[in-house]
Amino acid sequence: MSARENKVKVRLNDQELARLDEMRGDEERAVYMRRLLHEQPPKDTEVATYGEALLILTRLAREGRTTAATALGKALRGEQPGSELEGCLRDA
């Protein structure tokens, strides 16, 4: 018998569900949510590393987000100033 006997039902609107799916990537929703519960949440002052930023932009670009694809291309060519890259990630 599974140690997980409790169930939590959460209702999300389309935008919230899309954001959750964007954040979890290829990970199953339940696995991602459990991982969030066990990890310390990121602080507002934490900034993504360059590699993390490229990963986020890559994921968004694959989903067809033109702004992210453009920013990714510029970042890979070394043309993207930090403030523009941060703005793109913040708007994602």
PDB file of N, CA and C in Angstrom:
ATOM      1  N   MET A   1       0.837  -1.180   0.000  1.00  0.00           N
ATOM      2  CA  MET A   1       0.000   0.000   0.000  1.00  0.00           C
ATOM      3  C   MET A   1       0.879   1.239   0.000  1.00  0.00           C
ATOM      4  N   SER A   2       0.504   2.247  -0.772  1.00  0.00           N
ATOM      5  CA  SER A   2       1.271   3.483  -0.897  1.00  0.00           C
ATOM      6  C   SER A   2       1.205   4.303   0.382  1.00  0.00           C
ATOM      7  N   ALA A   3       2.303   4.959   0.695  1.00  0.00           N
ATOM      8  CA  ALA A   3       2.338   5.841   1.851  1.00  0.00           C
ATOM      9  C   ALA A   3       1.551   7.121   1.583  1.00  0.00           C
ATOM     10  N   ARG A   4       1.198   7.332   0.350  1.00  0.00           N
ATOM     11  CA  ARG A   4       0.449   8.535  -0.016  1.00  0.00           C
ATOM     12  C   ARG A   4      -1.035   8.203  -0.075  1.00  0.00           C
ATOM     13  N   GLU A   5      -1.729   8.510   0.980  1.00  0.00           N
ATOM     14  CA  GLU A   5      -3.156   8.216   1.047  1.00  0.00           C
ATOM     15  C   GLU A   5      -4.010   9.467   0.942  1.00  0.00           C
ATOM     16  N   ASN A   6      -3.402  10.643   1.041  1.00  0.00           N
ATOM     17  CA  ASN A   6      -4.146  11.903   1.007  1.00  0.00           C
ATOM     18  C   ASN A   6      -4.115  12.494  -0.394  1.00  0.00           C
ATOM     19  N   LYS A   7      -5.222  13.118  -0.753  1.00  0.00           N
ATOM     20  CA  LYS A   7      -5.334  13.702  -2.080  1.00  0.00           C
ATOM     21  C   LYS A   7      -5.724  15.168  -1.932  1.00  0.00           C
ATOM     22  N   VAL A   8      -5.066  16.021  -2.720  1.00  0.00           N
ATOM     23  CA  VAL A   8      -5.371  17.447  -2.726  1.00  0.00           C
ATOM     24  C   VAL A   8      -5.843  17.809  -4.122  1.00  0.00           C
ATOM     25  N   LYS A   9      -7.010  18.397  -4.205  1.00  0.00           N
ATOM     26  CA  LYS A   9      -7.563  18.795  -5.493  1.00  0.00           C
ATOM     27  C   LYS A   9      -7.429  20.313  -5.615  1.00  0.00           C
ATOM     28  N   VAL A  10      -6.811  20.757  -6.695  1.00  0.00           N
ATOM     29  CA  VAL A  10      -6.583  22.184  -6.920  1.00  0.00           C
ATOM     30  C   VAL A  10      -7.164  22.557  -8.271  1.00  0.00           C
ATOM     31  N   ARG A  11      -7.901  23.637  -8.314  1.00  0.00           N
ATOM     32  CA  ARG A  11      -8.451  24.120  -9.575  1.00  0.00           C
ATOM     33  C   ARG A  11      -7.599  25.279 -10.064  1.00  0.00           C
ATOM     34  N   LEU A  12      -7.186  25.196 -11.331  1.00  0.00           N
ATOM     35  CA  LEU A  12      -6.380  26.234 -11.953  1.00  0.00           C
ATOM     36  C   LEU A  12      -7.089  26.750 -13.198  1.00  0.00           C
ATOM     37  N   ASN A  13      -6.892  28.030 -13.496  1.00  0.00           N
ATOM     38  CA  ASN A  13      -7.417  28.523 -14.767  1.00  0.00           C
ATOM     39  C   ASN A  13      -6.423  28.147 -15.861  1.00  0.00           C
ATOM     40  N   ASP A  14      -6.768  28.426 -17.112  1.00  0.00           N
ATOM     41  CA  ASP A  14      -5.910  28.025 -18.240  1.00  0.00           C
ATOM     42  C   ASP A  14      -4.518  28.633 -18.141  1.00  0.00           C
ATOM     43  N   GLN A  15      -4.439  29.887 -17.730  1.00  0.00           N
ATOM     44  CA  GLN A  15      -3.154  30.566 -17.630  1.00  0.00           C
ATOM     45  C   GLN A  15      -2.292  29.942 -16.523  1.00  0.00           C
ATOM     46  N   GLU A  16      -2.888  29.641 -15.393  1.00  0.00           N
ATOM     47  CA  GLU A  16      -2.145  29.024 -14.290  1.00  0.00           C
ATOM     48  C   GLU A  16      -1.645  27.633 -14.676  1.00  0.00           C
ATOM     49  N   LEU A  17      -2.489  26.871 -15.354  1.00  0.00           N
ATOM     50  CA  LEU A  17      -2.083  25.533 -15.781  1.00  0.00           C
ATOM     51  C   LEU A  17      -0.944  25.599 -16.795  1.00  0.00           C
ATOM     52  N   ALA A  18      -1.027  26.546 -17.713  1.00  0.00           N
ATOM     53  CA  ALA A  18       0.047  26.715 -18.693  1.00  0.00           C
ATOM     54  C   ALA A  18       1.353  27.089 -17.993  1.00  0.00           C
ATOM     55  N   ARG A  19       1.276  27.943 -16.982  1.00  0.00           N
ATOM     56  CA  ARG A  19       2.483  28.342 -16.238  1.00  0.00           C
ATOM     57  C   ARG A  19       3.066  27.156 -15.492  1.00  0.00           C
ATOM     58  N   LEU A  20       2.210  26.349 -14.866  1.00  0.00           N
ATOM     59  CA  LEU A  20       2.689  25.152 -14.164  1.00  0.00           C
ATOM     60  C   LEU A  20       3.390  24.216 -15.139  1.00  0.00           C
ATOM     61  N   ASP A  21       2.780  23.978 -16.285  1.00  0.00           N
ATOM     62  CA  ASP A  21       3.374  23.079 -17.271  1.00  0.00           C
ATOM     63  C   ASP A  21       4.689  23.642 -17.811  1.00  0.00           C
ATOM     64  N   GLU A  22       4.756  24.965 -17.959  1.00  0.00           N
ATOM     65  CA  GLU A  22       5.987  25.608 -18.415  1.00  0.00           C
ATOM     66  C   GLU A  22       7.101  25.408 -17.387  1.00  0.00           C
ATOM     67  N   MET A  23       6.768  25.553 -16.133  1.00  0.00           N
ATOM     68  CA  MET A  23       7.765  25.443 -15.067  1.00  0.00           C
ATOM     69  C   MET A  23       8.251  24.011 -14.878  1.00  0.00           C
ATOM     70  N   ARG A  24       7.366  23.047 -15.049  1.00  0.00           N
ATOM     71  CA  ARG A  24       7.740  21.659 -14.755  1.00  0.00           C
ATOM     72  C   ARG A  24       8.495  20.990 -15.896  1.00  0.00           C
ATOM     73  N   GLY A  25       8.389  21.547 -17.096  1.00  0.00           N
ATOM     74  CA  GLY A  25       9.084  20.951 -18.238  1.00  0.00           C
ATOM     75  C   GLY A  25       8.548  19.568 -18.549  1.00  0.00           C
ATOM     76  N   ASP A  26       9.447  18.575 -18.596  1.00  0.00           N
ATOM     77  CA  ASP A  26       9.054  17.197 -18.921  1.00  0.00           C
ATOM     78  C   ASP A  26       8.661  16.384 -17.689  1.00  0.00           C
ATOM     79  N   GLU A  27       8.787  16.987 -16.532  1.00  0.00           N
ATOM     80  CA  GLU A  27       8.495  16.288 -15.276  1.00  0.00           C
ATOM     81  C   GLU A  27       6.975  16.159 -15.087  1.00  0.00           C
ATOM     82  N   GLU A  28       6.531  15.046 -14.529  1.00  0.00           N
ATOM     83  CA  GLU A  28       5.102  14.867 -14.263  1.00  0.00           C
ATOM     84  C   GLU A  28       4.644  15.911 -13.255  1.00  0.00           C
ATOM     85  N   ARG A  29       3.396  16.343 -13.380  1.00  0.00           N
ATOM     86  CA  ARG A  29       2.879  17.388 -12.483  1.00  0.00           C
ATOM     87  C   ARG A  29       2.998  16.988 -11.014  1.00  0.00           C
ATOM     88  N   ALA A  30       2.586  15.783 -10.684  1.00  0.00           N
ATOM     89  CA  ALA A  30       2.621  15.342  -9.280  1.00  0.00           C
ATOM     90  C   ALA A  30       4.047  15.307  -8.748  1.00  0.00           C
ATOM     91  N   VAL A  31       4.968  14.825  -9.550  1.00  0.00           N
ATOM     92  CA  VAL A  31       6.372  14.752  -9.138  1.00  0.00           C
ATOM     93  C   VAL A  31       6.921  16.152  -8.927  1.00  0.00           C
ATOM     94  N   TYR A  32       6.599  17.066  -9.852  1.00  0.00           N
ATOM     95  CA  TYR A  32       7.070  18.443  -9.744  1.00  0.00           C
ATOM     96  C   TYR A  32       6.525  19.098  -8.473  1.00  0.00           C
ATOM     97  N   MET A  33       5.240  18.928  -8.199  1.00  0.00           N
ATOM     98  CA  MET A  33       4.634  19.542  -7.010  1.00  0.00           C
ATOM     99  C   MET A  33       5.236  18.977  -5.720  1.00  0.00           C
ATOM    100  N   ARG A  34       5.481  17.671  -5.680  1.00  0.00           N
ATOM    101  CA  ARG A  34       6.111  17.086  -4.486  1.00  0.00           C
ATOM    102  C   ARG A  34       7.521  17.632  -4.291  1.00  0.00           C
ATOM    103  N   ARG A  35       8.251  17.776  -5.405  1.00  0.00           N
ATOM    104  CA  ARG A  35       9.608  18.315  -5.314  1.00  0.00           C
ATOM    105  C   ARG A  35       9.579  19.737  -4.767  1.00  0.00           C
ATOM    106  N   LEU A  36       8.606  20.534  -5.198  1.00  0.00           N
ATOM    107  CA  LEU A  36       8.483  21.897  -4.679  1.00  0.00           C
ATOM    108  C   LEU A  36       8.238  21.907  -3.173  1.00  0.00           C
ATOM    109  N   LEU A  37       7.467  20.937  -2.706  1.00  0.00           N
ATOM    110  CA  LEU A  37       7.188  20.868  -1.269  1.00  0.00           C
ATOM    111  C   LEU A  37       8.434  20.533  -0.448  1.00  0.00           C
ATOM    112  N   HIS A  38       9.338  19.764  -1.035  1.00  0.00           N
ATOM    113  CA  HIS A  38      10.514  19.318  -0.299  1.00  0.00           C
ATOM    114  C   HIS A  38      11.723  20.225  -0.452  1.00  0.00           C
ATOM    115  N   GLU A  39      11.727  21.071  -1.452  1.00  0.00           N
ATOM    116  CA  GLU A  39      12.843  21.988  -1.667  1.00  0.00           C
ATOM    117  C   GLU A  39      12.543  23.325  -1.013  1.00  0.00           C
ATOM    118  N   GLN A  40      13.608  24.024  -0.685  1.00  0.00           N
ATOM    119  CA  GLN A  40      13.430  25.362  -0.155  1.00  0.00           C
ATOM    120  C   GLN A  40      13.060  26.287  -1.312  1.00  0.00           C
ATOM    121  N   PRO A  41      12.018  27.091  -1.136  1.00  0.00           N
ATOM    122  CA  PRO A  41      11.598  27.952  -2.242  1.00  0.00           C
ATOM    123  C   PRO A  41      12.676  28.984  -2.572  1.00  0.00           C
ATOM    124  N   PRO A  42      12.777  29.377  -3.840  1.00  0.00           N
ATOM    125  CA  PRO A  42      13.772  30.381  -4.216  1.00  0.00           C
ATOM    126  C   PRO A  42      13.434  31.726  -3.601  1.00  0.00           C
ATOM    127  N   LYS A  43      14.458  32.480  -3.272  1.00  0.00           N
ATOM    128  CA  LYS A  43      14.269  33.815  -2.728  1.00  0.00           C
ATOM    129  C   LYS A  43      14.064  34.775  -3.887  1.00  0.00           C
ATOM    130  N   ASP A  44      13.366  35.866  -3.613  1.00  0.00           N
ATOM    131  CA  ASP A  44      13.109  36.862  -4.651  1.00  0.00           C
ATOM    132  C   ASP A  44      14.401  37.467  -5.187  1.00  0.00           C
ATOM    133  N   THR A  45      15.456  37.419  -4.395  1.00  0.00           N
ATOM    134  CA  THR A  45      16.715  38.031  -4.806  1.00  0.00           C
ATOM    135  C   THR A  45      17.564  37.098  -5.657  1.00  0.00           C
ATOM    136  N   GLU A  46      17.172  35.826  -5.764  1.00  0.00           N
ATOM    137  CA  GLU A  46      17.947  34.883  -6.557  1.00  0.00           C
ATOM    138  C   GLU A  46      17.763  35.161  -8.041  1.00  0.00           C
ATOM    139  N   VAL A  47      18.851  35.128  -8.767  1.00  0.00           N
ATOM    140  CA  VAL A  47      18.825  35.348 -10.207  1.00  0.00           C
ATOM    141  C   VAL A  47      19.318  34.076 -10.872  1.00  0.00           C
ATOM    142  N   ALA A  48      18.686  33.722 -11.962  1.00  0.00           N
ATOM    143  CA  ALA A  48      19.096  32.516 -12.694  1.00  0.00           C
ATOM    144  C   ALA A  48      20.522  32.677 -13.194  1.00  0.00           C
ATOM    145  N   THR A  49      21.273  31.585 -13.159  1.00  0.00           N
ATOM    146  CA  THR A  49      22.607  31.603 -13.746  1.00  0.00           C
ATOM    147  C   THR A  49      22.461  31.709 -15.256  1.00  0.00           C
ATOM    148  N   TYR A  50      23.549  31.975 -15.939  1.00  0.00           N
ATOM    149  CA  TYR A  50      23.518  32.077 -17.398  1.00  0.00           C
ATOM    150  C   TYR A  50      23.002  30.770 -18.002  1.00  0.00           C
ATOM    151  N   GLY A  51      23.485  29.643 -17.489  1.00  0.00           N
ATOM    152  CA  GLY A  51      23.030  28.345 -17.997  1.00  0.00           C
ATOM    153  C   GLY A  51      21.556  28.116 -17.744  1.00  0.00           C
ATOM    154  N   GLU A  52      21.080  28.494 -16.547  1.00  0.00           N
ATOM    155  CA  GLU A  52      19.659  28.347 -16.236  1.00  0.00           C
ATOM    156  C   GLU A  52      18.810  29.242 -17.137  1.00  0.00           C
ATOM    157  N   ALA A  53      19.306  30.452 -17.394  1.00  0.00           N
ATOM    158  CA  ALA A  53      18.583  31.379 -18.264  1.00  0.00           C
ATOM    159  C   ALA A  53      18.473  30.810 -19.675  1.00  0.00           C
ATOM    160  N   LEU A  54      19.557  30.221 -20.165  1.00  0.00           N
ATOM    161  CA  LEU A  54      19.518  29.623 -21.498  1.00  0.00           C
ATOM    162  C   LEU A  54      18.545  28.456 -21.546  1.00  0.00           C
ATOM    163  N   LEU A  55      18.499  27.666 -20.473  1.00  0.00           N
ATOM    164  CA  LEU A  55      17.563  26.545 -20.410  1.00  0.00           C
ATOM    165  C   LEU A  55      16.120  27.041 -20.451  1.00  0.00           C
ATOM    166  N   ILE A  56      15.823  28.079 -19.688  1.00  0.00           N
ATOM    167  CA  ILE A  56      14.469  28.642 -19.670  1.00  0.00           C
ATOM    168  C   ILE A  56      14.103  29.182 -21.046  1.00  0.00           C
ATOM    169  N   LEU A  57      15.022  29.951 -21.639  1.00  0.00           N
ATOM    170  CA  LEU A  57      14.757  30.520 -22.962  1.00  0.00           C
ATOM    171  C   LEU A  57      14.590  29.427 -24.019  1.00  0.00           C
ATOM    172  N   THR A  58      15.386  28.377 -23.915  1.00  0.00           N
ATOM    173  CA  THR A  58      15.277  27.268 -24.861  1.00  0.00           C
ATOM    174  C   THR A  58      13.905  26.623 -24.775  1.00  0.00           C
ATOM    175  N   ARG A  59      13.448  26.389 -23.556  1.00  0.00           N
ATOM    176  CA  ARG A  59      12.126  25.777 -23.362  1.00  0.00           C
ATOM    177  C   ARG A  59      11.031  26.671 -23.945  1.00  0.00           C
ATOM    178  N   LEU A  60      11.106  27.976 -23.667  1.00  0.00           N
ATOM    179  CA  LEU A  60      10.104  28.899 -24.180  1.00  0.00           C
ATOM    180  C   LEU A  60      10.165  29.004 -25.702  1.00  0.00           C
ATOM    181  N   ALA A  61      11.378  29.014 -26.249  1.00  0.00           N
ATOM    182  CA  ALA A  61      11.535  29.102 -27.701  1.00  0.00           C
ATOM    183  C   ALA A  61      10.945  27.872 -28.382  1.00  0.00           C
ATOM    184  N   ARG A  62      11.126  26.710 -27.782  1.00  0.00           N
ATOM    185  CA  ARG A  62      10.566  25.475 -28.352  1.00  0.00           C
ATOM    186  C   ARG A  62       9.045  25.493 -28.354  1.00  0.00           C
ATOM    187  N   GLU A  63       8.471  26.269 -27.415  1.00  0.00           N
ATOM    188  CA  GLU A  63       7.016  26.395 -27.352  1.00  0.00           C
ATOM    189  C   GLU A  63       6.493  27.451 -28.321  1.00  0.00           C
ATOM    190  N   GLY A  64       7.408  28.052 -29.084  1.00  0.00           N
ATOM    191  CA  GLY A  64       6.990  29.010 -30.088  1.00  0.00           C
ATOM    192  C   GLY A  64       6.939  30.448 -29.620  1.00  0.00           C
ATOM    193  N   ARG A  65       7.500  30.748 -28.492  1.00  0.00           N
ATOM    194  CA  ARG A  65       7.505  32.128 -28.006  1.00  0.00           C
ATOM    195  C   ARG A  65       8.608  32.900 -28.717  1.00  0.00           C
ATOM    196  N   THR A  66       8.199  33.783 -29.585  1.00  0.00           N
ATOM    197  CA  THR A  66       9.125  34.505 -30.454  1.00  0.00           C
ATOM    198  C   THR A  66      10.121  35.342 -29.661  1.00  0.00           C
ATOM    199  N   THR A  67       9.670  36.051 -28.645  1.00  0.00           N
ATOM    200  CA  THR A  67      10.563  36.889 -27.852  1.00  0.00           C
ATOM    201  C   THR A  67      11.662  36.055 -27.215  1.00  0.00           C
ATOM    202  N   ALA A  68      11.291  34.898 -26.689  1.00  0.00           N
ATOM    203  CA  ALA A  68      12.274  34.020 -26.060  1.00  0.00           C
ATOM    204  C   ALA A  68      13.249  33.480 -27.095  1.00  0.00           C
ATOM    205  N   ALA A  69      12.745  33.127 -28.268  1.00  0.00           N
ATOM    206  CA  ALA A  69      13.624  32.604 -29.314  1.00  0.00           C
ATOM    207  C   ALA A  69      14.623  33.663 -29.753  1.00  0.00           C
ATOM    208  N   THR A  70      14.163  34.896 -29.882  1.00  0.00           N
ATOM    209  CA  THR A  70      15.051  35.997 -30.275  1.00  0.00           C
ATOM    210  C   THR A  70      16.097  36.244 -29.196  1.00  0.00           C
ATOM    211  N   ALA A  71      15.657  36.279 -27.937  1.00  0.00           N
ATOM    212  CA  ALA A  71      16.593  36.502 -26.826  1.00  0.00           C
ATOM    213  C   ALA A  71      17.603  35.372 -26.728  1.00  0.00           C
ATOM    214  N   LEU A  72      17.155  34.136 -26.954  1.00  0.00           N
ATOM    215  CA  LEU A  72      18.059  32.990 -26.908  1.00  0.00           C
ATOM    216  C   LEU A  72      19.124  33.119 -27.983  1.00  0.00           C
ATOM    217  N   GLY A  73      18.705  33.457 -29.197  1.00  0.00           N
ATOM    218  CA  GLY A  73      19.664  33.626 -30.281  1.00  0.00           C
ATOM    219  C   GLY A  73      20.692  34.689 -29.975  1.00  0.00           C
ATOM    220  N   LYS A  74      20.241  35.816 -29.433  1.00  0.00           N
ATOM    221  CA  LYS A  74      21.159  36.901 -29.081  1.00  0.00           C
ATOM    222  C   LYS A  74      22.095  36.483 -27.960  1.00  0.00           C
ATOM    223  N   ALA A  75      21.557  35.798 -26.962  1.00  0.00           N
ATOM    224  CA  ALA A  75      22.381  35.369 -25.833  1.00  0.00           C
ATOM    225  C   ALA A  75      23.459  34.384 -26.288  1.00  0.00           C
ATOM    226  N   LEU A  76      23.099  33.484 -27.171  1.00  0.00           N
ATOM    227  CA  LEU A  76      24.069  32.503 -27.656  1.00  0.00           C
ATOM    228  C   LEU A  76      25.157  33.156 -28.505  1.00  0.00           C
ATOM    229  N   ARG A  77      24.827  34.277 -29.132  1.00  0.00           N
ATOM    230  CA  ARG A  77      25.823  35.015 -29.908  1.00  0.00           C
ATOM    231  C   ARG A  77      26.557  36.036 -29.052  1.00  0.00           C
ATOM    232  N   GLY A  78      26.183  36.151 -27.773  1.00  0.00           N
ATOM    233  CA  GLY A  78      26.826  37.103 -26.882  1.00  0.00           C
ATOM    234  C   GLY A  78      26.372  38.531 -27.094  1.00  0.00           C
ATOM    235  N   GLU A  79      25.212  38.731 -27.709  1.00  0.00           N
ATOM    236  CA  GLU A  79      24.718  40.064 -28.011  1.00  0.00           C
ATOM    237  C   GLU A  79      23.701  40.578 -27.007  1.00  0.00           C
ATOM    238  N   GLN A  80      23.217  39.740 -26.127  1.00  0.00           N
ATOM    239  CA  GLN A  80      22.115  40.110 -25.252  1.00  0.00           C
ATOM    240  C   GLN A  80      22.635  40.746 -23.968  1.00  0.00           C
ATOM    241  N   PRO A  81      22.436  42.055 -23.770  1.00  0.00           N
ATOM    242  CA  PRO A  81      22.820  42.666 -22.494  1.00  0.00           C
ATOM    243  C   PRO A  81      22.024  42.043 -21.357  1.00  0.00           C
ATOM    244  N   GLY A  82      22.619  42.013 -20.172  1.00  0.00           N
ATOM    245  CA  GLY A  82      21.987  41.373 -19.023  1.00  0.00           C
ATOM    246  C   GLY A  82      20.611  41.898 -18.710  1.00  0.00           C
ATOM    247  N   SER A  83      20.401  43.213 -18.770  1.00  0.00           N
ATOM    248  CA  SER A  83      19.103  43.769 -18.403  1.00  0.00           C
ATOM    249  C   SER A  83      18.008  43.322 -19.369  1.00  0.00           C
ATOM    250  N   GLU A  84      18.309  43.220 -20.662  1.00  0.00           N
ATOM    251  CA  GLU A  84      17.319  42.744 -21.625  1.00  0.00           C
ATOM    252  C   GLU A  84      16.994  41.275 -21.401  1.00  0.00           C
ATOM    253  N   LEU A  85      18.022  40.475 -21.093  1.00  0.00           N
ATOM    254  CA  LEU A  85      17.825  39.052 -20.826  1.00  0.00           C
ATOM    255  C   LEU A  85      16.953  38.873 -19.592  1.00  0.00           C
ATOM    256  N   GLU A  86      17.238  39.638 -18.535  1.00  0.00           N
ATOM    257  CA  GLU A  86      16.427  39.559 -17.319  1.00  0.00           C
ATOM    258  C   GLU A  86      14.987  39.963 -17.601  1.00  0.00           C
ATOM    259  N   GLY A  87      14.801  40.995 -18.419  1.00  0.00           N
ATOM    260  CA  GLY A  87      13.453  41.432 -18.761  1.00  0.00           C
ATOM    261  C   GLY A  87      12.674  40.377 -19.499  1.00  0.00           C
ATOM    262  N   CYS A  88      13.323  39.709 -20.418  1.00  0.00           N
ATOM    263  CA  CYS A  88      12.673  38.638 -21.184  1.00  0.00           C
ATOM    264  C   CYS A  88      12.250  37.507 -20.270  1.00  0.00           C
ATOM    265  N   LEU A  89      13.134  37.140 -19.328  1.00  0.00           N
ATOM    266  CA  LEU A  89      12.816  36.046 -18.398  1.00  0.00           C
ATOM    267  C   LEU A  89      11.697  36.455 -17.460  1.00  0.00           C
ATOM    268  N   ARG A  90      11.696  37.710 -17.030  1.00  0.00           N
ATOM    269  CA  ARG A  90      10.680  38.191 -16.111  1.00  0.00           C
ATOM    270  C   ARG A  90       9.314  38.199 -16.791  1.00  0.00           C
ATOM    271  N   ASP A  91       9.279  38.550 -18.079  1.00  0.00           N
ATOM    272  CA  ASP A  91       8.019  38.617 -18.829  1.00  0.00           C
ATOM    273  C   ASP A  91       7.500  37.254 -19.237  1.00  0.00           C
ATOM    274  N   ALA A  92       8.337  36.208 -19.133  1.00  0.00           N
ATOM    275  CA  ALA A  92       7.968  34.873 -19.612  1.00  0.00           C
ATOM    276  C   ALA A  92       6.854  34.264 -18.826  1.00  0.00           C
TER     277      ALA A  92
END
